[in-house]
Amino acid sequence: MEKRLNITVEKCPQNHPCPAVKVCPVGALSQEGFSAPKIDREKCIRCGKCSAFCPKKALTLDVV
């Protein structure tokens, strides 16, 4: 089963530094200002740490 990290921008409050960006062990998430984080799919290892840390559950690790 393959997994894919997704972001639901509508759930992301976008008014603060994203706490999930800091927990990514490979630096696959980035944030410009207070916008929703961006995912670098080349770097993402689909570990799920960011989705577990996201307070609004905007980041999800889904089976595709």
PDB file of N, CA and C in Angstrom:
ATOM      1  N   MET A   1       0.829  -1.186   0.000  1.00  0.00           N
ATOM      2  CA  MET A   1       0.000   0.000   0.000  1.00  0.00           C
ATOM      3  C   MET A   1       0.871   1.246   0.000  1.00  0.00           C
ATOM      4  N   GLU A   2       0.611   2.104  -0.928  1.00  0.00           N
ATOM      5  CA  GLU A   2       1.335   3.364  -1.020  1.00  0.00           C
ATOM      6  C   GLU A   2       0.606   4.440  -0.232  1.00  0.00           C
ATOM      7  N   LYS A   3       1.368   5.308   0.419  1.00  0.00           N
ATOM      8  CA  LYS A   3       0.784   6.423   1.172  1.00  0.00           C
ATOM      9  C   LYS A   3       1.205   7.728   0.526  1.00  0.00           C
ATOM     10  N   ARG A   4       0.372   8.750   0.712  1.00  0.00           N
ATOM     11  CA  ARG A   4       0.655  10.069   0.157  1.00  0.00           C
ATOM     12  C   ARG A   4       0.245  11.128   1.168  1.00  0.00           C
ATOM     13  N   LEU A   5       1.135  12.079   1.395  1.00  0.00           N
ATOM     14  CA  LEU A   5       0.837  13.190   2.292  1.00  0.00           C
ATOM     15  C   LEU A   5       0.024  14.234   1.536  1.00  0.00           C
ATOM     16  N   ASN A   6      -1.068  14.656   2.121  1.00  0.00           N
ATOM     17  CA  ASN A   6      -1.941  15.661   1.520  1.00  0.00           C
ATOM     18  C   ASN A   6      -2.184  16.785   2.508  1.00  0.00           C
ATOM     19  N   ILE A   7      -2.502  17.949   1.962  1.00  0.00           N
ATOM     20  CA  ILE A   7      -2.866  19.086   2.799  1.00  0.00           C
ATOM     21  C   ILE A   7      -4.219  19.622   2.361  1.00  0.00           C
ATOM     22  N   THR A   8      -5.075  19.856   3.354  1.00  0.00           N
ATOM     23  CA  THR A   8      -6.367  20.484   3.111  1.00  0.00           C
ATOM     24  C   THR A   8      -6.216  21.932   3.556  1.00  0.00           C
ATOM     25  N   VAL A   9      -5.991  22.797   2.591  1.00  0.00           N
ATOM     26  CA  VAL A   9      -5.685  24.201   2.881  1.00  0.00           C
ATOM     27  C   VAL A   9      -6.815  24.864   3.661  1.00  0.00           C
ATOM     28  N   GLU A  10      -8.049  24.469   3.410  1.00  0.00           N
ATOM     29  CA  GLU A  10      -9.198  25.065   4.095  1.00  0.00           C
ATOM     30  C   GLU A  10      -9.160  24.818   5.606  1.00  0.00           C
ATOM     31  N   LYS A  11      -8.510  23.743   6.041  1.00  0.00           N
ATOM     32  CA  LYS A  11      -8.421  23.433   7.474  1.00  0.00           C
ATOM     33  C   LYS A  11      -7.251  24.141   8.152  1.00  0.00           C
ATOM     34  N   CYS A  12      -6.308  24.618   7.363  1.00  0.00           N
ATOM     35  CA  CYS A  12      -5.109  25.248   7.898  1.00  0.00           C
ATOM     36  C   CYS A  12      -5.413  26.701   8.250  1.00  0.00           C
ATOM     37  N   PRO A  13      -5.214  27.106   9.524  1.00  0.00           N
ATOM     38  CA  PRO A  13      -5.551  28.468   9.924  1.00  0.00           C
ATOM     39  C   PRO A  13      -4.682  29.538   9.274  1.00  0.00           C
ATOM     40  N   GLN A  14      -3.452  29.204   8.862  1.00  0.00           N
ATOM     41  CA  GLN A  14      -2.562  30.114   8.153  1.00  0.00           C
ATOM     42  C   GLN A  14      -2.371  31.451   8.852  1.00  0.00           C
ATOM     43  N   ASN A  15      -2.288  31.455  10.154  1.00  0.00           N
ATOM     44  CA  ASN A  15      -2.067  32.707  10.876  1.00  0.00           C
ATOM     45  C   ASN A  15      -0.933  32.582  11.888  1.00  0.00           C
ATOM     46  N   HIS A  16      -0.095  31.567  11.703  1.00  0.00           N
ATOM     47  CA  HIS A  16       1.010  31.326  12.634  1.00  0.00           C
ATOM     48  C   HIS A  16       2.035  30.421  11.960  1.00  0.00           C
ATOM     49  N   PRO A  17       3.230  30.333  12.521  1.00  0.00           N
ATOM     50  CA  PRO A  17       4.187  29.357  11.991  1.00  0.00           C
ATOM     51  C   PRO A  17       3.635  27.939  12.169  1.00  0.00           C
ATOM     52  N   CYS A  18       3.695  27.155  11.135  1.00  0.00           N
ATOM     53  CA  CYS A  18       3.158  25.789  11.173  1.00  0.00           C
ATOM     54  C   CYS A  18       4.051  24.903  12.049  1.00  0.00           C
ATOM     55  N   PRO A  19       3.501  24.330  13.124  1.00  0.00           N
ATOM     56  CA  PRO A  19       4.316  23.484  14.003  1.00  0.00           C
ATOM     57  C   PRO A  19       4.765  22.192  13.326  1.00  0.00           C
ATOM     58  N   ALA A  20       4.027  21.725  12.337  1.00  0.00           N
ATOM     59  CA  ALA A  20       4.372  20.467  11.667  1.00  0.00           C
ATOM     60  C   ALA A  20       5.642  20.599  10.828  1.00  0.00           C
ATOM     61  N   VAL A  21       5.946  21.800  10.350  1.00  0.00           N
ATOM     62  CA  VAL A  21       7.145  22.016   9.539  1.00  0.00           C
ATOM     63  C   VAL A  21       8.399  21.646  10.336  1.00  0.00           C
ATOM     64  N   LYS A  22       8.400  21.976  11.614  1.00  0.00           N
ATOM     65  CA  LYS A  22       9.580  21.748  12.460  1.00  0.00           C
ATOM     66  C   LYS A  22       9.817  20.281  12.799  1.00  0.00           C
ATOM     67  N   VAL A  23       8.786  19.452  12.733  1.00  0.00           N
ATOM     68  CA  VAL A  23       8.963  18.044  13.129  1.00  0.00           C
ATOM     69  C   VAL A  23       9.325  17.127  11.966  1.00  0.00           C
ATOM     70  N   CYS A  24       9.273  17.630  10.749  1.00  0.00           N
ATOM     71  CA  CYS A  24       9.609  16.788   9.592  1.00  0.00           C
ATOM     72  C   CYS A  24      11.089  16.428   9.642  1.00  0.00           C
ATOM     73  N   PRO A  25      11.409  15.136   9.701  1.00  0.00           N
ATOM     74  CA  PRO A  25      12.809  14.728   9.843  1.00  0.00           C
ATOM     75  C   PRO A  25      13.657  14.932   8.588  1.00  0.00           C
ATOM     76  N   VAL A  26      13.012  15.141   7.431  1.00  0.00           N
ATOM     77  CA  VAL A  26      13.770  15.281   6.177  1.00  0.00           C
ATOM     78  C   VAL A  26      13.589  16.648   5.521  1.00  0.00           C
ATOM     79  N   GLY A  27      12.890  17.554   6.175  1.00  0.00           N
ATOM     80  CA  GLY A  27      12.702  18.898   5.624  1.00  0.00           C
ATOM     81  C   GLY A  27      11.805  18.951   4.397  1.00  0.00           C
ATOM     82  N   ALA A  28      10.817  18.073   4.347  1.00  0.00           N
ATOM     83  CA  ALA A  28       9.926  18.033   3.188  1.00  0.00           C
ATOM     84  C   ALA A  28       8.819  19.084   3.242  1.00  0.00           C
ATOM     85  N   LEU A  29       8.634  19.726   4.372  1.00  0.00           N
ATOM     86  CA  LEU A  29       7.627  20.776   4.498  1.00  0.00           C
ATOM     87  C   LEU A  29       8.316  22.130   4.599  1.00  0.00           C
ATOM     88  N   SER A  30       7.723  23.105   3.943  1.00  0.00           N
ATOM     89  CA  SER A  30       8.228  24.472   4.055  1.00  0.00           C
ATOM     90  C   SER A  30       7.032  25.406   4.166  1.00  0.00           C
ATOM     91  N   GLN A  31       7.272  26.572   4.723  1.00  0.00           N
ATOM     92  CA  GLN A  31       6.198  27.548   4.881  1.00  0.00           C
ATOM     93  C   GLN A  31       6.745  28.923   4.566  1.00  0.00           C
ATOM     94  N   GLU A  32       6.026  29.641   3.736  1.00  0.00           N
ATOM     95  CA  GLU A  32       6.394  31.004   3.379  1.00  0.00           C
ATOM     96  C   GLU A  32       5.470  31.950   4.130  1.00  0.00           C
ATOM     97  N   GLY A  33       6.028  32.743   5.013  1.00  0.00           N
ATOM     98  CA  GLY A  33       5.195  33.617   5.839  1.00  0.00           C
ATOM     99  C   GLY A  33       4.266  32.777   6.699  1.00  0.00           C
ATOM    100  N   PHE A  34       2.994  33.107   6.686  1.00  0.00           N
ATOM    101  CA  PHE A  34       1.996  32.322   7.420  1.00  0.00           C
ATOM    102  C   PHE A  34       1.067  31.574   6.477  1.00  0.00           C
ATOM    103  N   SER A  35       1.507  31.335   5.257  1.00  0.00           N
ATOM    104  CA  SER A  35       0.689  30.581   4.315  1.00  0.00           C
ATOM    105  C   SER A  35       0.670  29.106   4.702  1.00  0.00           C
ATOM    106  N   ALA A  36      -0.179  28.350   4.055  1.00  0.00           N
ATOM    107  CA  ALA A  36      -0.233  26.909   4.299  1.00  0.00           C
ATOM    108  C   ALA A  36       1.105  26.287   3.888  1.00  0.00           C
ATOM    109  N   PRO A  37       1.556  25.260   4.594  1.00  0.00           N
ATOM    110  CA  PRO A  37       2.835  24.654   4.230  1.00  0.00           C
ATOM    111  C   PRO A  37       2.781  23.996   2.860  1.00  0.00           C
ATOM    112  N   LYS A  38       3.941  23.907   2.246  1.00  0.00           N
ATOM    113  CA  LYS A  38       4.077  23.234   0.950  1.00  0.00           C
ATOM    114  C   LYS A  38       4.843  21.935   1.177  1.00  0.00           C
ATOM    115  N   ILE A  39       4.479  20.925   0.400  1.00  0.00           N
ATOM    116  CA  ILE A  39       5.087  19.602   0.531  1.00  0.00           C
ATOM    117  C   ILE A  39       6.047  19.371  -0.631  1.00  0.00           C
ATOM    118  N   ASP A  40       7.284  19.008  -0.319  1.00  0.00           N
ATOM    119  CA  ASP A  40       8.239  18.585  -1.338  1.00  0.00           C
ATOM    120  C   ASP A  40       8.126  17.065  -1.416  1.00  0.00           C
ATOM    121  N   ARG A  41       7.398  16.587  -2.387  1.00  0.00           N
ATOM    122  CA  ARG A  41       7.125  15.146  -2.496  1.00  0.00           C
ATOM    123  C   ARG A  41       8.377  14.326  -2.802  1.00  0.00           C
ATOM    124  N   GLU A  42       9.408  14.970  -3.346  1.00  0.00           N
ATOM    125  CA  GLU A  42      10.670  14.268  -3.603  1.00  0.00           C
ATOM    126  C   GLU A  42      11.377  13.927  -2.285  1.00  0.00           C
ATOM    127  N   LYS A  43      11.233  14.793  -1.286  1.00  0.00           N
ATOM    128  CA  LYS A  43      11.884  14.587   0.015  1.00  0.00           C
ATOM    129  C   LYS A  43      11.027  13.781   0.986  1.00  0.00           C
ATOM    130  N   CYS A  44       9.710  13.878   0.870  1.00  0.00           N
ATOM    131  CA  CYS A  44       8.796  13.267   1.838  1.00  0.00           C
ATOM    132  C   CYS A  44       8.975  11.747   1.898  1.00  0.00           C
ATOM    133  N   ILE A  45       9.171  11.235   3.116  1.00  0.00           N
ATOM    134  CA  ILE A  45       9.320   9.785   3.303  1.00  0.00           C
ATOM    135  C   ILE A  45       8.033   9.160   3.847  1.00  0.00           C
ATOM    136  N   ARG A  46       6.990   9.956   3.952  1.00  0.00           N
ATOM    137  CA  ARG A  46       5.650   9.505   4.371  1.00  0.00           C
ATOM    138  C   ARG A  46       5.683   8.815   5.739  1.00  0.00           C
ATOM    139  N   CYS A  47       6.380   9.449   6.673  1.00  0.00           N
ATOM    140  CA  CYS A  47       6.484   8.882   8.026  1.00  0.00           C
ATOM    141  C   CYS A  47       5.260   9.208   8.888  1.00  0.00           C
ATOM    142  N   GLY A  48       4.552  10.302   8.564  1.00  0.00           N
ATOM    143  CA  GLY A  48       3.345  10.657   9.295  1.00  0.00           C
ATOM    144  C   GLY A  48       3.551  11.555  10.504  1.00  0.00           C
ATOM    145  N   LYS A  49       4.797  11.929  10.792  1.00  0.00           N
ATOM    146  CA  LYS A  49       5.040  12.780  11.961  1.00  0.00           C
ATOM    147  C   LYS A  49       4.318  14.111  11.845  1.00  0.00           C
ATOM    148  N   CYS A  50       4.348  14.722  10.674  1.00  0.00           N
ATOM    149  CA  CYS A  50       3.715  16.035  10.505  1.00  0.00           C
ATOM    150  C   CYS A  50       2.197  15.936  10.652  1.00  0.00           C
ATOM    151  N   SER A  51       1.611  14.882  10.118  1.00  0.00           N
ATOM    152  CA  SER A  51       0.151  14.747  10.223  1.00  0.00           C
ATOM    153  C   SER A  51      -0.276  14.494  11.667  1.00  0.00           C
ATOM    154  N   ALA A  52       0.541  13.787  12.421  1.00  0.00           N
ATOM    155  CA  ALA A  52       0.228  13.564  13.832  1.00  0.00           C
ATOM    156  C   ALA A  52       0.383  14.843  14.647  1.00  0.00           C
ATOM    157  N   PHE A  53       1.266  15.737  14.203  1.00  0.00           N
ATOM    158  CA  PHE A  53       1.565  16.960  14.940  1.00  0.00           C
ATOM    159  C   PHE A  53       0.667  18.131  14.549  1.00  0.00           C
ATOM    160  N   CYS A  54      -0.007  18.049  13.407  1.00  0.00           N
ATOM    161  CA  CYS A  54      -0.838  19.149  12.905  1.00  0.00           C
ATOM    162  C   CYS A  54      -2.064  19.329  13.809  1.00  0.00           C
ATOM    163  N   PRO A  55      -2.185  20.484  14.488  1.00  0.00           N
ATOM    164  CA  PRO A  55      -3.289  20.669  15.440  1.00  0.00           C
ATOM    165  C   PRO A  55      -4.679  20.716  14.807  1.00  0.00           C
ATOM    166  N   LYS A  56      -4.758  21.105  13.542  1.00  0.00           N
ATOM    167  CA  LYS A  56      -6.057  21.216  12.859  1.00  0.00           C
ATOM    168  C   LYS A  56      -6.326  20.043  11.910  1.00  0.00           C
ATOM    169  N   LYS A  57      -5.416  19.079  11.896  1.00  0.00           N
ATOM    170  CA  LYS A  57      -5.530  17.895  11.022  1.00  0.00           C
ATOM    171  C   LYS A  57      -5.653  18.278   9.544  1.00  0.00           C
ATOM    172  N   ALA A  58      -4.934  19.345   9.169  1.00  0.00           N
ATOM    173  CA  ALA A  58      -4.910  19.774   7.766  1.00  0.00           C
ATOM    174  C   ALA A  58      -3.974  18.891   6.954  1.00  0.00           C
ATOM    175  N   LEU A  59      -2.972  18.304   7.601  1.00  0.00           N
ATOM    176  CA  LEU A  59      -2.056  17.376   6.946  1.00  0.00           C
ATOM    177  C   LEU A  59      -2.514  15.957   7.237  1.00  0.00           C
ATOM    178  N   THR A  60      -2.696  15.186   6.184  1.00  0.00           N
ATOM    179  CA  THR A  60      -3.132  13.798   6.354  1.00  0.00           C
ATOM    180  C   THR A  60      -2.265  12.875   5.510  1.00  0.00           C
ATOM    181  N   LEU A  61      -2.006  11.706   6.033  1.00  0.00           N
ATOM    182  CA  LEU A  61      -1.264  10.680   5.314  1.00  0.00           C
ATOM    183  C   LEU A  61      -2.305   9.654   4.858  1.00  0.00           C
ATOM    184  N   ASP A  62      -2.580   9.652   3.562  1.00  0.00           N
ATOM    185  CA  ASP A  62      -3.662   8.827   3.018  1.00  0.00           C
ATOM    186  C   ASP A  62      -3.110   7.682   2.186  1.00  0.00           C
ATOM    187  N   VAL A  63      -3.807   6.567   2.220  1.00  0.00           N
ATOM    188  CA  VAL A  63      -3.469   5.418   1.391  1.00  0.00           C
ATOM    189  C   VAL A  63      -4.037   5.665  -0.002  1.00  0.00           C
ATOM    190  N   VAL A  64      -3.186   5.491  -1.017  1.00  0.00           N
ATOM    191  CA  VAL A  64      -3.632   5.679  -2.410  1.00  0.00           C
ATOM    192  C   VAL A  64      -3.638   4.385  -3.158  1.00  0.00           C
TER     193      VAL A  64
END
